[in-house]
Amino acid sequence: MERPQRLAVVPFVLTLAACTMIGSPGTVIPPAPDPSTIRDVVPSPEPPAASGNMVQYEQGGRTYRVLEWSSGYDERGIASWYGEQFQGRPTSSGEPFDMYLLSAAHRTLPLPSFVRVTNLTNGASIILRVNDRGPFADPGSRIIDVSYAAAIRLDMVRAGTANVRVQAVEPWQYRVPR
């Protein structure tokens, strides 16, 4: 093979190699940002989201009732995380999902709401803004899905899940305008 023809093969081989390194979206862990660059959430009063705050909804054969307000919510269970496969897709509140922001999905809290999530294994704790619905996988034990950035801060990326405590924080958010 002549040298110019061999060089023409290089981009093809590199592209093919990159495809095999990427894998499927559900199994790939994207490059982690420096945790110090992930901006903390500062809870502030927000109007209820225009979508995602229905009285009740069905998902996977189950009916979920959205809470009237976030005050008093405190639960322990399993957190899982979501990221690249949902990047840029609309959340239940209508906002585009950004895996590099401190956000979460919850089945019944008003959208948006603010919660403190504490990893019960290592004590890591952060404030998240809930702007999506979920998790719907294993609803008997999973209580919240956190963004990739949140999973980094909670040190749960590799494990995929963590035992957590989720507590609503002020300002209390409502399902409908007050």
C-alpha atoms as a PDB file:
ATOM      1  CA  MET A   1       0.000   0.000   0.000  1.00  0.00           C
ATOM      2  CA  GLU A   2       1.357   3.408  -0.891  1.00  0.00           C
ATOM      3  CA  ARG A   3       1.945   5.933   1.886  1.00  0.00           C
ATOM      4  CA  PRO A   4      -0.962   8.316   0.913  1.00  0.00           C
ATOM      5  CA  GLN A   5      -3.410   5.393   0.893  1.00  0.00           C
ATOM      6  CA  ARG A   6      -2.221   4.221   4.315  1.00  0.00           C
ATOM      7  CA  LEU A   7      -2.721   7.726   5.714  1.00  0.00           C
ATOM      8  CA  ALA A   8      -6.276   7.751   4.366  1.00  0.00           C
ATOM      9  CA  VAL A   9      -7.043   4.679   6.473  1.00  0.00           C
ATOM     10  CA  VAL A  10      -5.902   6.339   9.739  1.00  0.00           C
ATOM     11  CA  PRO A  11      -9.032   8.516  10.274  1.00  0.00           C
ATOM     12  CA  PHE A  12     -11.267   5.506   9.624  1.00  0.00           C
ATOM     13  CA  VAL A  13      -9.381   3.346  12.142  1.00  0.00           C
ATOM     14  CA  LEU A  14      -9.410   6.123  14.766  1.00  0.00           C
ATOM     15  CA  THR A  15     -13.163   6.616  14.298  1.00  0.00           C
ATOM     16  CA  LEU A  16     -13.769   2.893  14.640  1.00  0.00           C
ATOM     17  CA  ALA A  17     -11.628   2.747  17.785  1.00  0.00           C
ATOM     18  CA  ALA A  18     -13.493   5.691  19.310  1.00  0.00           C
ATOM     19  CA  CYS A  19     -16.814   3.941  18.741  1.00  0.00           C
ATOM     20  CA  THR A  20     -15.645   0.906  20.657  1.00  0.00           C
ATOM     21  CA  MET A  21     -14.357   3.066  23.543  1.00  0.00           C
ATOM     22  CA  ILE A  22     -17.650   4.930  23.942  1.00  0.00           C
ATOM     23  CA  GLY A  23     -19.873   1.939  24.659  1.00  0.00           C
ATOM     24  CA  SER A  24     -23.554   2.231  25.475  1.00  0.00           C
ATOM     25  CA  PRO A  25     -24.871   5.375  27.195  1.00  0.00           C
ATOM     26  CA  GLY A  26     -26.104   3.452  30.215  1.00  0.00           C
ATOM     27  CA  THR A  27     -22.692   2.042  31.065  1.00  0.00           C
ATOM     28  CA  VAL A  28     -20.242   4.813  30.209  1.00  0.00           C
ATOM     29  CA  ILE A  29     -19.051   7.131  32.926  1.00  0.00           C
ATOM     30  CA  PRO A  30     -18.255  10.479  31.302  1.00  0.00           C
ATOM     31  CA  PRO A  31     -15.136  12.399  32.236  1.00  0.00           C
ATOM     32  CA  ALA A  32     -15.635  13.919  35.664  1.00  0.00           C
ATOM     33  CA  PRO A  33     -15.494  17.669  36.063  1.00  0.00           C
ATOM     34  CA  ASP A  34     -13.402  19.067  38.896  1.00  0.00           C
ATOM     35  CA  PRO A  35     -15.834  18.998  41.859  1.00  0.00           C
ATOM     36  CA  SER A  36     -14.730  22.526  42.815  1.00  0.00           C
ATOM     37  CA  THR A  37     -16.165  23.808  39.510  1.00  0.00           C
ATOM     38  CA  ILE A  38     -19.660  22.461  40.247  1.00  0.00           C
ATOM     39  CA  ARG A  39     -21.685  25.428  41.471  1.00  0.00           C
ATOM     40  CA  ASP A  40     -23.669  24.961  44.672  1.00  0.00           C
ATOM     41  CA  VAL A  41     -27.438  25.386  44.571  1.00  0.00           C
ATOM     42  CA  VAL A  42     -28.747  28.353  46.526  1.00  0.00           C
ATOM     43  CA  PRO A  43     -32.401  27.720  47.401  1.00  0.00           C
ATOM     44  CA  SER A  44     -34.666  30.633  46.551  1.00  0.00           C
ATOM     45  CA  PRO A  45     -38.417  31.017  46.089  1.00  0.00           C
ATOM     46  CA  GLU A  46     -39.517  30.045  42.575  1.00  0.00           C
ATOM     47  CA  PRO A  47     -42.928  29.856  40.981  1.00  0.00           C
ATOM     48  CA  PRO A  48     -44.262  26.339  40.361  1.00  0.00           C
ATOM     49  CA  ALA A  49     -43.121  24.869  37.032  1.00  0.00           C
ATOM     50  CA  ALA A  50     -45.632  25.198  34.210  1.00  0.00           C
ATOM     51  CA  SER A  51     -45.458  21.442  33.631  1.00  0.00           C
ATOM     52  CA  GLY A  52     -44.914  18.432  35.873  1.00  0.00           C
ATOM     53  CA  ASN A  53     -47.100  19.672  38.747  1.00  0.00           C
ATOM     54  CA  MET A  54     -50.282  17.750  38.008  1.00  0.00           C
ATOM     55  CA  VAL A  55     -52.381  16.441  40.912  1.00  0.00           C
ATOM     56  CA  GLN A  56     -51.472  12.859  39.986  1.00  0.00           C
ATOM     57  CA  TYR A  57     -49.952  10.903  37.122  1.00  0.00           C
ATOM     58  CA  GLU A  58     -49.378   7.314  36.060  1.00  0.00           C
ATOM     59  CA  GLN A  59     -46.061   5.733  35.213  1.00  0.00           C
ATOM     60  CA  GLY A  60     -45.271   2.040  34.844  1.00  0.00           C
ATOM     61  CA  GLY A  61     -48.729   0.988  36.029  1.00  0.00           C
ATOM     62  CA  ARG A  62     -48.477   3.020  39.250  1.00  0.00           C
ATOM     63  CA  THR A  63     -50.282   6.203  40.199  1.00  0.00           C
ATOM     64  CA  TYR A  64     -48.305   8.960  41.915  1.00  0.00           C
ATOM     65  CA  ARG A  65     -49.831  11.956  43.739  1.00  0.00           C
ATOM     66  CA  VAL A  66     -47.769  15.141  43.664  1.00  0.00           C
ATOM     67  CA  LEU A  67     -47.456  16.755  47.098  1.00  0.00           C
ATOM     68  CA  GLU A  68     -49.146  20.134  47.618  1.00  0.00           C
ATOM     69  CA  TRP A  69     -45.953  21.538  49.126  1.00  0.00           C
ATOM     70  CA  SER A  70     -42.477  20.398  50.075  1.00  0.00           C
ATOM     71  CA  SER A  71     -42.545  21.204  53.812  1.00  0.00           C
ATOM     72  CA  GLY A  72     -41.885  18.218  56.058  1.00  0.00           C
ATOM     73  CA  TYR A  73     -40.616  15.830  53.375  1.00  0.00           C
ATOM     74  CA  ASP A  74     -37.933  13.576  54.931  1.00  0.00           C
ATOM     75  CA  GLU A  75     -37.243  10.061  53.634  1.00  0.00           C
ATOM     76  CA  ARG A  76     -34.485   7.466  53.550  1.00  0.00           C
ATOM     77  CA  GLY A  77     -33.911   5.114  50.650  1.00  0.00           C
ATOM     78  CA  ILE A  78     -31.764   4.547  47.593  1.00  0.00           C
ATOM     79  CA  ALA A  79     -30.482   7.253  45.257  1.00  0.00           C
ATOM     80  CA  SER A  80     -29.379   6.478  41.730  1.00  0.00           C
ATOM     81  CA  TRP A  81     -27.887   8.862  39.182  1.00  0.00           C
ATOM     82  CA  TYR A  82     -28.542   9.776  35.580  1.00  0.00           C
ATOM     83  CA  GLY A  83     -26.436  11.605  33.071  1.00  0.00           C
ATOM     84  CA  GLU A  84     -25.228  11.473  29.500  1.00  0.00           C
ATOM     85  CA  GLN A  85     -28.146   9.531  27.993  1.00  0.00           C
ATOM     86  CA  PHE A  86     -30.523  12.323  29.125  1.00  0.00           C
ATOM     87  CA  GLN A  87     -28.258  15.324  28.483  1.00  0.00           C
ATOM     88  CA  GLY A  88     -30.218  18.131  26.800  1.00  0.00           C
ATOM     89  CA  ARG A  89     -33.556  16.310  26.916  1.00  0.00           C
ATOM     90  CA  PRO A  90     -36.494  18.132  28.493  1.00  0.00           C
ATOM     91  CA  THR A  91     -37.126  17.433  32.169  1.00  0.00           C
ATOM     92  CA  SER A  92     -40.665  17.136  33.547  1.00  0.00           C
ATOM     93  CA  SER A  93     -40.524  20.840  34.415  1.00  0.00           C
ATOM     94  CA  GLY A  94     -39.720  21.629  30.773  1.00  0.00           C
ATOM     95  CA  GLU A  95     -36.112  22.676  31.385  1.00  0.00           C
ATOM     96  CA  PRO A  96     -33.334  20.929  29.461  1.00  0.00           C
ATOM     97  CA  PHE A  97     -31.470  18.394  31.616  1.00  0.00           C
ATOM     98  CA  ASP A  98     -27.871  19.369  32.370  1.00  0.00           C
ATOM     99  CA  MET A  99     -25.886  16.548  33.947  1.00  0.00           C
ATOM    100  CA  TYR A 100     -23.283  19.051  35.188  1.00  0.00           C
ATOM    101  CA  LEU A 101     -25.740  20.946  37.431  1.00  0.00           C
ATOM    102  CA  LEU A 102     -26.825  19.900  40.917  1.00  0.00           C
ATOM    103  CA  SER A 103     -30.340  18.693  40.146  1.00  0.00           C
ATOM    104  CA  ALA A 104     -32.565  15.721  40.814  1.00  0.00           C
ATOM    105  CA  ALA A 105     -35.682  13.806  39.832  1.00  0.00           C
ATOM    106  CA  HIS A 106     -38.324  12.950  42.412  1.00  0.00           C
ATOM    107  CA  ARG A 107     -41.697  11.265  41.945  1.00  0.00           C
ATOM    108  CA  THR A 108     -43.875  13.432  44.189  1.00  0.00           C
ATOM    109  CA  LEU A 109     -42.212  16.688  45.292  1.00  0.00           C
ATOM    110  CA  PRO A 110     -43.494  19.905  43.670  1.00  0.00           C
ATOM    111  CA  LEU A 111     -41.379  21.148  40.756  1.00  0.00           C
ATOM    112  CA  PRO A 112     -39.109  22.850  41.510  1.00  0.00           C
ATOM    113  CA  SER A 113     -38.228  21.950  45.105  1.00  0.00           C
ATOM    114  CA  PHE A 114     -34.989  22.060  47.047  1.00  0.00           C
ATOM    115  CA  VAL A 115     -33.688  19.070  48.985  1.00  0.00           C
ATOM    116  CA  ARG A 116     -30.674  18.150  51.054  1.00  0.00           C
ATOM    117  CA  VAL A 117     -29.380  14.727  50.012  1.00  0.00           C
ATOM    118  CA  THR A 118     -27.013  13.012  52.428  1.00  0.00           C
ATOM    119  CA  ASN A 119     -25.066   9.894  51.490  1.00  0.00           C
ATOM    120  CA  LEU A 120     -25.517   7.767  54.623  1.00  0.00           C
ATOM    121  CA  THR A 121     -22.387   5.719  53.887  1.00  0.00           C
ATOM    122  CA  ASN A 122     -19.850   8.548  53.712  1.00  0.00           C
ATOM    123  CA  GLY A 123     -21.680  11.575  55.168  1.00  0.00           C
ATOM    124  CA  ALA A 124     -21.399  13.674  51.984  1.00  0.00           C
ATOM    125  CA  SER A 125     -24.325  16.112  51.813  1.00  0.00           C
ATOM    126  CA  ILE A 126     -25.486  18.618  49.202  1.00  0.00           C
ATOM    127  CA  ILE A 127     -28.477  20.756  48.272  1.00  0.00           C
ATOM    128  CA  LEU A 128     -30.180  19.851  44.970  1.00  0.00           C
ATOM    129  CA  ARG A 129     -32.883  21.485  42.894  1.00  0.00           C
ATOM    130  CA  VAL A 130     -35.610  18.977  41.972  1.00  0.00           C
ATOM    131  CA  ASN A 131     -36.829  19.723  38.441  1.00  0.00           C
ATOM    132  CA  ASP A 132     -37.708  16.286  37.044  1.00  0.00           C
ATOM    133  CA  ARG A 133     -39.848  13.204  37.756  1.00  0.00           C
ATOM    134  CA  GLY A 134     -38.374   9.827  38.651  1.00  0.00           C
ATOM    135  CA  PRO A 135     -36.924   7.409  39.499  1.00  0.00           C
ATOM    136  CA  PHE A 136     -39.273   4.863  37.991  1.00  0.00           C
ATOM    137  CA  ALA A 137     -36.874   1.908  38.101  1.00  0.00           C
ATOM    138  CA  ASP A 138     -37.292  -0.011  41.369  1.00  0.00           C
ATOM    139  CA  PRO A 139     -39.858   2.397  42.891  1.00  0.00           C
ATOM    140  CA  GLY A 140     -40.048   0.283  46.042  1.00  0.00           C
ATOM    141  CA  SER A 141     -36.575   1.335  47.183  1.00  0.00           C
ATOM    142  CA  ARG A 142     -35.260   4.135  44.953  1.00  0.00           C
ATOM    143  CA  ILE A 143     -36.486   7.521  46.134  1.00  0.00           C
ATOM    144  CA  ILE A 144     -34.447   9.999  44.068  1.00  0.00           C
ATOM    145  CA  ASP A 145     -32.369  10.200  40.893  1.00  0.00           C
ATOM    146  CA  VAL A 146     -29.530  12.699  41.098  1.00  0.00           C
ATOM    147  CA  SER A 147     -27.610  14.326  38.259  1.00  0.00           C
ATOM    148  CA  TYR A 148     -24.104  13.189  37.365  1.00  0.00           C
ATOM    149  CA  ALA A 149     -22.623  16.282  39.058  1.00  0.00           C
ATOM    150  CA  ALA A 150     -24.551  15.467  42.236  1.00  0.00           C
ATOM    151  CA  ALA A 151     -23.360  11.857  42.084  1.00  0.00           C
ATOM    152  CA  ILE A 152     -19.769  13.115  41.900  1.00  0.00           C
ATOM    153  CA  ARG A 153     -20.254  15.334  44.962  1.00  0.00           C
ATOM    154  CA  LEU A 154     -21.989  12.480  46.842  1.00  0.00           C
ATOM    155  CA  ASP A 155     -19.203  10.061  45.806  1.00  0.00           C
ATOM    156  CA  MET A 156     -21.607   7.501  44.331  1.00  0.00           C
ATOM    157  CA  VAL A 157     -20.719   7.469  40.620  1.00  0.00           C
ATOM    158  CA  ARG A 158     -18.860   4.152  40.526  1.00  0.00           C
ATOM    159  CA  ALA A 159     -21.331   2.313  42.777  1.00  0.00           C
ATOM    160  CA  GLY A 160     -24.288   3.736  40.807  1.00  0.00           C
ATOM    161  CA  THR A 161     -26.519   3.928  43.877  1.00  0.00           C
ATOM    162  CA  ALA A 162     -26.232   5.018  47.506  1.00  0.00           C
ATOM    163  CA  ASN A 163     -28.241   4.850  50.700  1.00  0.00           C
ATOM    164  CA  VAL A 164     -29.411   8.403  51.282  1.00  0.00           C
ATOM    165  CA  ARG A 165     -31.571  10.668  53.361  1.00  0.00           C
ATOM    166  CA  VAL A 166     -33.581  13.237  51.399  1.00  0.00           C
ATOM    167  CA  GLN A 167     -34.955  16.242  53.263  1.00  0.00           C
ATOM    168  CA  ALA A 168     -36.871  19.159  51.762  1.00  0.00           C
ATOM    169  CA  VAL A 169     -35.313  22.525  52.641  1.00  0.00           C
ATOM    170  CA  GLU A 170     -36.705  26.043  52.737  1.00  0.00           C
ATOM    171  CA  PRO A 171     -38.035  27.940  50.964  1.00  0.00           C
ATOM    172  CA  TRP A 172     -40.956  25.518  50.813  1.00  0.00           C
ATOM    173  CA  GLN A 173     -42.188  25.106  47.285  1.00  0.00           C
ATOM    174  CA  TYR A 174     -45.802  24.609  46.213  1.00  0.00           C
ATOM    175  CA  ARG A 175     -47.421  22.507  43.484  1.00  0.00           C
ATOM    176  CA  VAL A 176     -49.683  25.397  42.425  1.00  0.00           C
ATOM    177  CA  PRO A 177     -49.128  29.171  42.803  1.00  0.00           C
ATOM    178  CA  ARG A 178     -49.876  30.666  46.238  1.00  0.00           C
END
